[in-house]
Structures are given as C-alpha cells and as structure tokens.
Protein backbone atom coordinates (compact mmCIF):
# COMPACT_ATOMS: atom_id res chain seq x y z
CA MET A 1 11.27 6.94 14.76
CA ALA A 2 14.69 8.54 14.40
CA ARG A 3 17.82 6.59 15.15
CA GLU A 4 21.41 7.67 15.80
CA GLY A 5 23.18 8.75 12.63
CA GLY A 6 20.11 9.28 10.45
CA GLY A 7 19.00 5.65 10.41
CA GLY A 8 15.39 6.76 10.73
CA ASP A 9 15.28 7.60 7.04
CA ALA A 10 16.45 4.12 6.08
CA PHE A 11 13.94 2.64 8.51
CA GLY A 12 11.14 4.67 6.93
CA ILE A 13 12.15 3.74 3.40
CA GLY A 14 12.37 0.06 4.35
CA GLY A 15 8.91 0.24 5.87
CA LEU A 16 7.62 1.89 2.71
CA GLU A 17 9.10 -0.87 0.55
CA ALA A 18 7.49 -3.50 2.78
CA LEU A 19 4.13 -1.70 2.53
CA MET A 20 4.27 -1.60 -1.28
CA VAL A 21 5.17 -5.31 -1.44
CA LEU A 22 2.30 -6.19 0.90
CA ILE A 23 -0.14 -4.14 -1.20
CA ALA A 24 0.99 -5.95 -4.34
CA ILE A 25 0.74 -9.37 -2.66
CA GLY A 26 -2.71 -8.55 -1.28
CA ALA A 27 -4.02 -7.48 -4.68
CA TYR A 28 -2.55 -10.57 -6.34
CA VAL A 29 -4.06 -12.93 -3.77
CA MET A 30 -7.48 -11.29 -3.95
CA TYR A 31 -7.68 -11.51 -7.73
CA GLU A 32 -6.30 -15.07 -7.79
CA VAL A 33 -8.88 -16.23 -5.26
CA THR A 34 -11.84 -14.50 -6.88
CA GLY A 35 -10.70 -15.60 -10.34
CA SER A 36 -10.47 -19.25 -9.32
CA LEU A 37 -14.02 -19.43 -7.97
CA ASP A 38 -16.21 -21.33 -10.42
CA THR A 39 -19.75 -19.97 -10.68
CA THR A 40 -22.54 -19.93 -13.21
CA ALA A 41 -23.18 -16.83 -15.28
CA ASP A 42 -25.65 -14.25 -13.91
CA SER A 43 -25.86 -15.96 -10.51
CA TYR A 44 -25.79 -14.30 -7.11
CA ALA A 45 -22.32 -15.72 -6.54
CA GLU A 46 -21.03 -14.23 -9.80
CA ASN A 47 -22.49 -10.83 -8.87
CA ALA A 48 -20.91 -11.03 -5.41
CA ILE A 49 -17.50 -11.86 -6.90
CA GLU A 50 -17.77 -8.93 -9.31
CA ASN A 51 -18.70 -6.62 -6.42
CA VAL A 52 -15.72 -7.82 -4.39
CA GLU A 53 -13.37 -7.25 -7.34
CA ASP A 54 -14.81 -3.77 -7.98
CA LYS A 55 -14.48 -2.74 -4.34
CA GLY A 56 -11.05 -4.34 -4.15
CA ALA A 57 -9.85 -2.30 -7.13
CA SER A 58 -10.84 0.86 -5.25
CA VAL A 59 -9.08 -0.26 -2.09
CA TRP A 60 -5.84 -1.18 -3.85
CA SER A 61 -5.70 2.09 -5.76
CA LEU A 62 -6.27 4.04 -2.53
CA ALA A 63 -3.64 1.94 -0.74
CA ALA A 64 -1.07 2.98 -3.33
CA ILE A 65 -1.78 6.60 -2.42
CA LEU A 66 -0.73 5.72 1.12
CA GLY A 67 2.77 5.05 -0.20
CA ILE A 68 2.86 8.49 -1.80
CA VAL A 69 1.81 10.09 1.49
CA ILE A 70 4.57 8.25 3.37
CA VAL A 71 7.18 9.38 0.83
CA ALA A 72 5.96 12.96 1.20
CA ALA A 73 6.21 12.69 5.00
CA LEU A 74 9.78 11.37 4.73
CA ILE A 75 10.77 14.22 2.42
CA ILE A 76 9.17 16.83 4.68
CA GLY A 77 10.97 15.31 7.68
CA ILE A 78 14.33 15.47 5.88
CA VAL A 79 13.74 19.08 4.84
CA ILE A 80 12.71 20.16 8.33
CA ARG A 81 15.68 18.38 9.88
CA SER A 82 18.11 20.00 7.43
CA LEU A 83 16.62 23.46 8.07
CA SER A 84 16.85 23.02 11.85
CA GLY A 85 20.56 22.18 11.68
CA GLY A 86 20.21 18.39 11.91
CA ARG A 87 19.00 18.31 15.51
C-alpha cells in the first residue's frame, strides 16, 4: 500500500514492528499460561501441556520467519521502485 511521498515504506516497517511485538507477546502469554498450570507428573494433562509447548515452539519459530519474508518483500519493492525511476 504505497502512499504519497514514499510513506508506504514507513507503513510497511511499522506493520513489521507490530507483527514482531505481537509474536513476542503471543509466545510469552502461551508459555506463561502453560507454565502456571499445576498438574501431576506423568499425567495426561502434563503430556498435553508438553505437546502444546512443543507445537507452540514450532509455530513461534516459523512466525519469526514471516518477519524475514516481509523485510525481503520491502527491500525488493524499494529496489524495483528505484530501478523503475520512482514511479
């Protein structure tokens, strides 16, 4: 979403910062909630919590890659715009 005067880049970077903050908050909340649940050792509940934490670790690491993809898209957009004469 390009704006007059190149504001689209700032908009994209601001969105990226918001995404990274939301990923960090989501990971923090998930681990705080699962860590505060009191269960007995080797119970079904303990196994379920461990599964959620394992799957969550995969999700959060993949979500961080999303930030890298957005940065790459912003850089490619800037390069293409500069090569096309800023149109």
